[in-house]
PDB file of N, CA and C in Angstrom:
ATOM      1  N   MET A   1       0.828  -1.112  -0.124  1.00  0.00           N
ATOM      2  CA  MET A   1      -0.024  -0.136   0.005  1.00  0.00           C
ATOM      3  C   MET A   1       0.894   1.287   0.152  1.00  0.00           C
ATOM      4  N   GLY A   2       0.684   2.193  -0.924  1.00  0.00           N
ATOM      5  CA  GLY A   2       1.301   3.524  -1.053  1.00  0.00           C
ATOM      6  C   GLY A   2       0.848   4.655  -0.138  1.00  0.00           C
ATOM      7  N   THR A   3       1.688   5.586   0.056  1.00  0.00           N
ATOM      8  CA  THR A   3       1.187   6.892   0.937  1.00  0.00           C
ATOM      9  C   THR A   3       1.774   8.133  -0.090  1.00  0.00           C
ATOM     10  N   ILE A   4       0.659   8.491  -0.294  1.00  0.00           N
ATOM     11  CA  ILE A   4       0.689   9.959  -0.925  1.00  0.00           C
ATOM     12  C   ILE A   4       0.178  11.169   0.017  1.00  0.00           C
ATOM     13  N   THR A   5       1.141  12.359  -0.098  1.00  0.00           N
ATOM     14  CA  THR A   5       1.025  13.136   0.723  1.00  0.00           C
ATOM     15  C   THR A   5       0.632  14.607  -0.486  1.00  0.00           C
ATOM     16  N   ILE A   6      -0.419  15.045  -0.385  1.00  0.00           N
ATOM     17  CA  ILE A   6      -1.238  16.155  -1.034  1.00  0.00           C
ATOM     18  C   ILE A   6      -1.458  17.447  -0.227  1.00  0.00           C
ATOM     19  N   ASN A   7      -1.637  18.466  -1.113  1.00  0.00           N
ATOM     20  CA  ASN A   7      -2.266  19.607  -0.672  1.00  0.00           C
ATOM     21  C   ASN A   7      -3.522  19.713  -1.510  1.00  0.00           C
ATOM     22  N   VAL A   8      -4.528  20.078  -0.430  1.00  0.00           N
ATOM     23  CA  VAL A   8      -6.056  20.158  -1.110  1.00  0.00           C
ATOM     24  C   VAL A   8      -6.794  21.424  -0.874  1.00  0.00           C
ATOM     25  N   ASN A   9      -7.517  22.137  -1.464  1.00  0.00           N
ATOM     26  CA  ASN A   9      -8.008  23.212  -1.171  1.00  0.00           C
ATOM     27  C   ASN A   9      -8.966  22.895   0.143  1.00  0.00           C
ATOM     28  N   ASP A  10      -9.145  23.669   0.987  1.00  0.00           N
ATOM     29  CA  ASP A  10      -9.774  23.557   2.188  1.00  0.00           C
ATOM     30  C   ASP A  10     -11.168  23.130   1.955  1.00  0.00           C
ATOM     31  N   ASP A  11     -11.872  23.748   1.337  1.00  0.00           N
ATOM     32  CA  ASP A  11     -13.195  23.712   1.162  1.00  0.00           C
ATOM     33  C   ASP A  11     -13.580  22.274   0.313  1.00  0.00           C
ATOM     34  N   VAL A  12     -12.642  21.896  -0.610  1.00  0.00           N
ATOM     35  CA  VAL A  12     -12.723  20.482  -0.995  1.00  0.00           C
ATOM     36  C   VAL A  12     -12.442  19.524  -0.273  1.00  0.00           C
ATOM     37  N   GLU A  13     -11.848  19.415   0.765  1.00  0.00           N
ATOM     38  CA  GLU A  13     -11.487  19.004   1.779  1.00  0.00           C
ATOM     39  C   GLU A  13     -12.322  18.724   2.738  1.00  0.00           C
ATOM     40  N   LYS A  14     -13.272  19.496   3.229  1.00  0.00           N
ATOM     41  CA  LYS A  14     -14.059  19.387   4.305  1.00  0.00           C
ATOM     42  C   LYS A  14     -15.547  18.735   3.508  1.00  0.00           C
ATOM     43  N   GLN A  15     -15.608  19.016   2.104  1.00  0.00           N
ATOM     44  CA  GLN A  15     -16.869  18.518   1.413  1.00  0.00           C
ATOM     45  C   GLN A  15     -16.376  16.978   1.363  1.00  0.00           C
ATOM     46  N   PHE A  16     -15.203  16.580   0.794  1.00  0.00           N
ATOM     47  CA  PHE A  16     -14.845  15.315   0.809  1.00  0.00           C
ATOM     48  C   PHE A  16     -15.160  14.442   1.655  1.00  0.00           C
ATOM     49  N   ARG A  17     -14.349  15.237   2.850  1.00  0.00           N
ATOM     50  CA  ARG A  17     -14.457  14.332   4.148  1.00  0.00           C
ATOM     51  C   ARG A  17     -15.682  13.979   4.729  1.00  0.00           C
ATOM     52  N   ALA A  18     -16.805  14.995   4.531  1.00  0.00           N
ATOM     53  CA  ALA A  18     -18.126  14.742   4.745  1.00  0.00           C
ATOM     54  C   ALA A  18     -18.807  13.607   4.198  1.00  0.00           C
ATOM     55  N   ILE A  19     -18.535  13.630   2.907  1.00  0.00           N
ATOM     56  CA  ILE A  19     -19.294  12.796   1.888  1.00  0.00           C
ATOM     57  C   ILE A  19     -18.751  11.297   2.239  1.00  0.00           C
ATOM     58  N   ALA A  20     -17.339  11.410   2.384  1.00  0.00           N
ATOM     59  CA  ALA A  20     -16.782  10.034   2.760  1.00  0.00           C
ATOM     60  C   ALA A  20     -16.963   9.571   3.866  1.00  0.00           C
ATOM     61  N   ARG A  21     -17.389  10.364   5.022  1.00  0.00           N
ATOM     62  CA  ARG A  21     -17.836   9.889   6.384  1.00  0.00           C
ATOM     63  C   ARG A  21     -19.315   9.179   6.107  1.00  0.00           C
ATOM     64  N   GLU A  22     -20.269   9.824   5.259  1.00  0.00           N
ATOM     65  CA  GLU A  22     -21.622   9.310   5.132  1.00  0.00           C
ATOM     66  C   GLU A  22     -21.449   8.036   4.463  1.00  0.00           C
ATOM     67  N   PHE A  23     -20.532   7.887   3.399  1.00  0.00           N
ATOM     68  CA  PHE A  23     -20.533   6.876   2.558  1.00  0.00           C
ATOM     69  C   PHE A  23     -19.878   5.702   3.352  1.00  0.00           C
ATOM     70  N   TYR A  24     -18.783   5.830   4.085  1.00  0.00           N
ATOM     71  CA  TYR A  24     -18.358   4.842   4.987  1.00  0.00           C
ATOM     72  C   TYR A  24     -18.352   5.149   6.684  1.00  0.00           C
ATOM     73  N   PRO A  25     -19.649   5.027   6.994  1.00  0.00           N
ATOM     74  CA  PRO A  25     -19.843   5.549   8.316  1.00  0.00           C
ATOM     75  C   PRO A  25     -19.300   4.502   9.545  1.00  0.00           C
ATOM     76  N   ASP A  26     -18.596   5.123  10.210  1.00  0.00           N
ATOM     77  CA  ASP A  26     -18.100   4.569  11.504  1.00  0.00           C
ATOM     78  C   ASP A  26     -16.986   3.321  11.311  1.00  0.00           C
ATOM     79  N   LYS A  27     -16.204   3.707   9.895  1.00  0.00           N
ATOM     80  CA  LYS A  27     -15.267   2.682   9.893  1.00  0.00           C
ATOM     81  C   LYS A  27     -13.923   3.248   9.982  1.00  0.00           C
ATOM     82  N   LYS A  28     -12.912   2.664  10.414  1.00  0.00           N
ATOM     83  CA  LYS A  28     -11.411   2.976  10.361  1.00  0.00           C
ATOM     84  C   LYS A  28     -11.080   3.014   8.894  1.00  0.00           C
ATOM     85  N   GLY A  29     -10.221   4.232   8.663  1.00  0.00           N
ATOM     86  CA  GLY A  29      -9.675   4.036   7.088  1.00  0.00           C
ATOM     87  C   GLY A  29     -10.691   4.388   6.411  1.00  0.00           C
ATOM     88  N   TYR A  30     -11.807   5.037   6.584  1.00  0.00           N
ATOM     89  CA  TYR A  30     -12.780   5.688   5.476  1.00  0.00           C
ATOM     90  C   TYR A  30     -12.155   6.690   4.597  1.00  0.00           C
ATOM     91  N   LEU A  31     -11.326   7.603   5.005  1.00  0.00           N
ATOM     92  CA  LEU A  31     -10.677   8.387   4.054  1.00  0.00           C
ATOM     93  C   LEU A  31      -9.868   7.910   3.126  1.00  0.00           C
ATOM     94  N   GLY A  32      -9.081   6.864   3.492  1.00  0.00           N
ATOM     95  CA  GLY A  32      -8.165   6.117   2.550  1.00  0.00           C
ATOM     96  C   GLY A  32      -9.198   5.271   1.530  1.00  0.00           C
ATOM     97  N   LYS A  33     -10.243   4.733   2.022  1.00  0.00           N
ATOM     98  CA  LYS A  33     -11.141   3.822   1.083  1.00  0.00           C
ATOM     99  C   LYS A  33     -11.806   4.987   0.166  1.00  0.00           C
ATOM    100  N   ALA A  34     -12.150   6.249   0.377  1.00  0.00           N
ATOM    101  CA  ALA A  34     -13.009   6.864  -0.293  1.00  0.00           C
ATOM    102  C   ALA A  34     -11.852   7.598  -1.468  1.00  0.00           C
ATOM    103  N   VAL A  35     -10.732   8.071  -1.104  1.00  0.00           N
ATOM    104  CA  VAL A  35      -9.578   8.487  -2.147  1.00  0.00           C
ATOM    105  C   VAL A  35      -9.289   7.237  -3.073  1.00  0.00           C
ATOM    106  N   THR A  36      -9.117   6.031  -2.425  1.00  0.00           N
ATOM    107  CA  THR A  36      -8.929   4.844  -3.454  1.00  0.00           C
ATOM    108  C   THR A  36      -9.985   4.848  -4.391  1.00  0.00           C
ATOM    109  N   SER A  37     -11.166   4.887  -3.836  1.00  0.00           N
ATOM    110  CA  SER A  37     -12.189   4.740  -4.905  1.00  0.00           C
ATOM    111  C   SER A  37     -12.544   5.831  -5.831  1.00  0.00           C
ATOM    112  N   ALA A  38     -12.336   7.005  -5.432  1.00  0.00           N
ATOM    113  CA  ALA A  38     -11.996   8.317  -6.273  1.00  0.00           C
ATOM    114  C   ALA A  38     -10.974   8.263  -7.304  1.00  0.00           C
ATOM    115  N   MET A  39      -9.945   7.708  -6.999  1.00  0.00           N
ATOM    116  CA  MET A  39      -8.762   7.792  -7.663  1.00  0.00           C
ATOM    117  C   MET A  39      -9.119   6.603  -8.931  1.00  0.00           C
ATOM    118  N   GLN A  40      -9.673   5.403  -8.570  1.00  0.00           N
ATOM    119  CA  GLN A  40     -10.057   4.291  -9.361  1.00  0.00           C
ATOM    120  C   GLN A  40     -10.987   4.792 -10.492  1.00  0.00           C
ATOM    121  N   LYS A  41     -12.028   5.584  -9.823  1.00  0.00           N
ATOM    122  CA  LYS A  41     -13.095   6.140 -10.762  1.00  0.00           C
ATOM    123  C   LYS A  41     -12.333   6.650 -11.942  1.00  0.00           C
ATOM    124  N   TRP A  42     -11.421   7.688 -11.616  1.00  0.00           N
ATOM    125  CA  TRP A  42     -10.631   8.489 -12.251  1.00  0.00           C
ATOM    126  C   TRP A  42      -9.941   8.201 -13.555  1.00  0.00           C
ATOM    127  N   ILE A  43      -9.260   7.062 -12.880  1.00  0.00           N
ATOM    128  CA  ILE A  43      -8.260   6.018 -13.926  1.00  0.00           C
ATOM    129  C   ILE A  43      -9.056   5.383 -14.979  1.00  0.00           C
ATOM    130  N   ASN A  44     -10.295   4.551 -14.588  1.00  0.00           N
ATOM    131  CA  ASN A  44     -11.087   4.156 -15.221  1.00  0.00           C
ATOM    132  C   ASN A  44     -11.725   5.145 -16.514  1.00  0.00           C
ATOM    133  N   GLU A  45     -12.192   6.281 -15.748  1.00  0.00           N
ATOM    134  CA  GLU A  45     -12.673   7.184 -17.002  1.00  0.00           C
ATOM    135  C   GLU A  45     -11.598   7.790 -18.090  1.00  0.00           C
ATOM    136  N   VAL A  46     -10.576   7.861 -17.382  1.00  0.00           N
ATOM    137  CA  VAL A  46      -9.415   8.459 -18.496  1.00  0.00           C
ATOM    138  C   VAL A  46      -8.800   7.377 -19.316  1.00  0.00           C
ATOM    139  N   SER A  47      -9.032   6.017 -18.817  1.00  0.00           N
ATOM    140  CA  SER A  47      -8.732   4.924 -19.791  1.00  0.00           C
ATOM    141  C   SER A  47      -9.702   4.694 -21.013  1.00  0.00           C
ATOM    142  N   GLN A  48     -11.027   4.744 -20.420  1.00  0.00           N
ATOM    143  CA  GLN A  48     -12.112   4.739 -21.329  1.00  0.00           C
ATOM    144  C   GLN A  48     -11.957   5.688 -22.413  1.00  0.00           C
ATOM    145  N   ASN A  49     -11.707   6.765 -21.774  1.00  0.00           N
ATOM    146  CA  ASN A  49     -11.623   8.011 -22.770  1.00  0.00           C
ATOM    147  C   ASN A  49     -10.648   7.850 -24.141  1.00  0.00           C
ATOM    148  N   LYS A  50      -9.570   7.138 -23.309  1.00  0.00           N
ATOM    149  CA  LYS A  50      -8.353   6.872 -24.350  1.00  0.00           C
ATOM    150  C   LYS A  50      -8.977   5.942 -25.308  1.00  0.00           C
ATOM    151  N   ILE A  51      -9.496   4.581 -25.070  1.00  0.00           N
ATOM    152  CA  ILE A  51      -9.946   3.562 -25.628  1.00  0.00           C
ATOM    153  C   ILE A  51     -10.952   4.158 -26.659  1.00  0.00           C
ATOM    154  N   SER A  52     -11.786   5.084 -26.159  1.00  0.00           N
ATOM    155  CA  SER A  52     -12.902   5.848 -27.181  1.00  0.00           C
ATOM    156  C   SER A  52     -12.144   6.334 -28.345  1.00  0.00           C
ATOM    157  N   GLN A  53     -11.040   7.325 -28.069  1.00  0.00           N
ATOM    158  CA  GLN A  53     -10.414   8.099 -28.871  1.00  0.00           C
ATOM    159  C   GLN A  53      -9.745   7.025 -29.826  1.00  0.00           C
ATOM    160  N   ARG A  54      -9.001   5.971 -29.249  1.00  0.00           N
ATOM    161  CA  ARG A  54      -8.337   5.040 -30.343  1.00  0.00           C
ATOM    162  C   ARG A  54      -9.228   4.377 -31.470  1.00  0.00           C
ATOM    163  N   GLU A  55     -10.592   4.042 -30.779  1.00  0.00           N
ATOM    164  CA  GLU A  55     -11.560   3.502 -31.722  1.00  0.00           C
ATOM    165  C   GLU A  55     -12.080   4.720 -32.820  1.00  0.00           C
ATOM    166  N   LEU A  56     -12.102   5.955 -32.256  1.00  0.00           N
ATOM    167  CA  LEU A  56     -12.791   6.708 -33.294  1.00  0.00           C
ATOM    168  C   LEU A  56     -11.516   6.941 -34.439  1.00  0.00           C
ATOM    169  N   GLU A  57     -10.331   7.080 -34.077  1.00  0.00           N
ATOM    170  CA  GLU A  57      -9.421   6.927 -34.849  1.00  0.00           C
ATOM    171  C   GLU A  57      -9.507   5.802 -35.856  1.00  0.00           C
ATOM    172  N   LEU A  58      -9.635   4.705 -35.540  1.00  0.00           N
ATOM    173  CA  LEU A  58      -9.743   3.606 -36.345  1.00  0.00           C
ATOM    174  C   LEU A  58     -10.859   3.728 -37.419  1.00  0.00           C
ATOM    175  N   LEU A  59     -12.065   4.169 -36.724  1.00  0.00           N
ATOM    176  CA  LEU A  59     -13.143   4.505 -37.583  1.00  0.00           C
ATOM    177  C   LEU A  59     -12.806   5.393 -38.810  1.00  0.00           C
ATOM    178  N   GLU A  60     -12.270   6.571 -38.353  1.00  0.00           N
ATOM    179  CA  GLU A  60     -11.713   7.651 -39.060  1.00  0.00           C
ATOM    180  C   GLU A  60     -11.104   7.129 -40.440  1.00  0.00           C
ATOM    181  N   LYS A  61     -10.030   6.375 -40.002  1.00  0.00           N
ATOM    182  CA  LYS A  61      -9.255   5.749 -40.808  1.00  0.00           C
ATOM    183  C   LYS A  61      -9.667   4.796 -42.044  1.00  0.00           C
ATOM    184  N   GLY A  62     -10.645   3.988 -41.436  1.00  0.00           N
ATOM    185  CA  GLY A  62     -11.394   2.955 -42.347  1.00  0.00           C
ATOM    186  C   GLY A  62     -10.654   1.633 -42.157  1.00  0.00           C
ATOM    187  N   PHE A  63     -11.443   0.724 -42.538  1.00  0.00           N
ATOM    188  CA  PHE A  63     -11.056  -0.814 -42.670  1.00  0.00           C
ATOM    189  C   PHE A  63     -10.753  -1.416 -43.906  1.00  0.00           C
ATOM    190  N   LYS A  64      -9.588  -2.076 -44.151  1.00  0.00           N
ATOM    191  CA  LYS A  64      -9.594  -2.726 -45.452  1.00  0.00           C
ATOM    192  C   LYS A  64     -10.290  -4.166 -45.203  1.00  0.00           C
ATOM    193  N   MET A  65     -11.053  -4.475 -46.065  1.00  0.00           N
ATOM    194  CA  MET A  65     -11.817  -5.551 -46.384  1.00  0.00           C
ATOM    195  C   MET A  65     -11.426  -6.776 -47.272  1.00  0.00           C
ATOM    196  N   GLY A  66     -10.015  -6.577 -47.471  1.00  0.00           N
ATOM    197  CA  GLY A  66      -9.453  -7.569 -48.395  1.00  0.00           C
ATOM    198  C   GLY A  66      -9.643  -7.415 -49.366  1.00  0.00           C
ATOM    199  N   LYS A  67     -10.048  -8.553 -50.266  1.00  0.00           N
ATOM    200  CA  LYS A  67     -10.432  -8.753 -51.832  1.00  0.00           C
ATOM    201  C   LYS A  67     -11.722  -8.446 -52.349  1.00  0.00           C
ATOM    202  N   ILE A  68     -12.561  -7.976 -51.153  1.00  0.00           N
ATOM    203  CA  ILE A  68     -13.943  -7.470 -51.531  1.00  0.00           C
ATOM    204  C   ILE A  68     -14.266  -6.107 -51.659  1.00  0.00           C
ATOM    205  N   LYS A  69     -14.496  -6.052 -53.132  1.00  0.00           N
ATOM    206  CA  LYS A  69     -14.640  -4.665 -53.357  1.00  0.00           C
ATOM    207  C   LYS A  69     -15.965  -3.756 -53.707  1.00  0.00           C
ATOM    208  N   PHE A  70     -16.319  -3.128 -52.495  1.00  0.00           N
ATOM    209  CA  PHE A  70     -17.554  -2.462 -52.625  1.00  0.00           C
ATOM    210  C   PHE A  70     -17.155  -0.949 -52.359  1.00  0.00           C
ATOM    211  N   ASN A  71     -17.761  -0.263 -53.234  1.00  0.00           N
ATOM    212  CA  ASN A  71     -17.730   1.198 -53.117  1.00  0.00           C
ATOM    213  C   ASN A  71     -18.682   1.870 -51.996  1.00  0.00           C
ATOM    214  N   SER A  72     -19.798   1.304 -51.644  1.00  0.00           N
ATOM    215  CA  SER A  72     -20.553   1.557 -50.522  1.00  0.00           C
ATOM    216  C   SER A  72     -21.330   0.700 -49.625  1.00  0.00           C
ATOM    217  N   ARG A  73     -21.744   0.984 -48.872  1.00  0.00           N
ATOM    218  CA  ARG A  73     -22.534   0.059 -47.995  1.00  0.00           C
ATOM    219  C   ARG A  73     -23.862  -0.494 -48.646  1.00  0.00           C
ATOM    220  N   GLU A  74     -24.401   0.545 -49.420  1.00  0.00           N
ATOM    221  CA  GLU A  74     -25.635  -0.041 -50.131  1.00  0.00           C
ATOM    222  C   GLU A  74     -25.385  -1.342 -51.146  1.00  0.00           C
ATOM    223  N   GLU A  75     -24.080  -0.922 -51.694  1.00  0.00           N
ATOM    224  CA  GLU A  75     -23.776  -2.161 -52.775  1.00  0.00           C
ATOM    225  C   GLU A  75     -23.814  -3.403 -52.129  1.00  0.00           C
ATOM    226  N   LEU A  76     -23.057  -3.590 -50.713  1.00  0.00           N
ATOM    227  CA  LEU A  76     -23.229  -4.506 -49.925  1.00  0.00           C
ATOM    228  C   LEU A  76     -24.291  -5.433 -49.548  1.00  0.00           C
ATOM    229  N   TYR A  77     -25.192  -4.766 -49.545  1.00  0.00           N
ATOM    230  CA  TYR A  77     -26.723  -5.133 -49.024  1.00  0.00           C
ATOM    231  C   TYR A  77     -27.745  -5.116 -50.047  1.00  0.00           C
ATOM    232  N   GLU A  78     -27.309  -4.616 -51.413  1.00  0.00           N
ATOM    233  CA  GLU A  78     -28.205  -4.618 -52.615  1.00  0.00           C
ATOM    234  C   GLU A  78     -28.648  -5.975 -52.802  1.00  0.00           C
ATOM    235  N   ARG A  79     -29.922  -6.223 -53.193  1.00  0.00           N
ATOM    236  CA  ARG A  79     -30.500  -7.241 -53.495  1.00  0.00           C
ATOM    237  C   ARG A  79     -31.350  -7.224 -54.929  1.00  0.00           C
TER     238      ARG A  79
END
């Protein structure tokens, strides 16, 4: 387990502590659990944004469909 020393705005700290205390009532280490949860949520959000950006770039670039030669989606589904 790591230790991080940070400086946070007083108002933000008070609000965070109050909400963390409500979420983890009467539990030792509530602040560490709340910070860990917040950090994990932020990591997941940033990771998901990176994945989304990469996938959008792939869509913009397009896909090679091998030897199949279609000019448009309509030709592919033409009957």
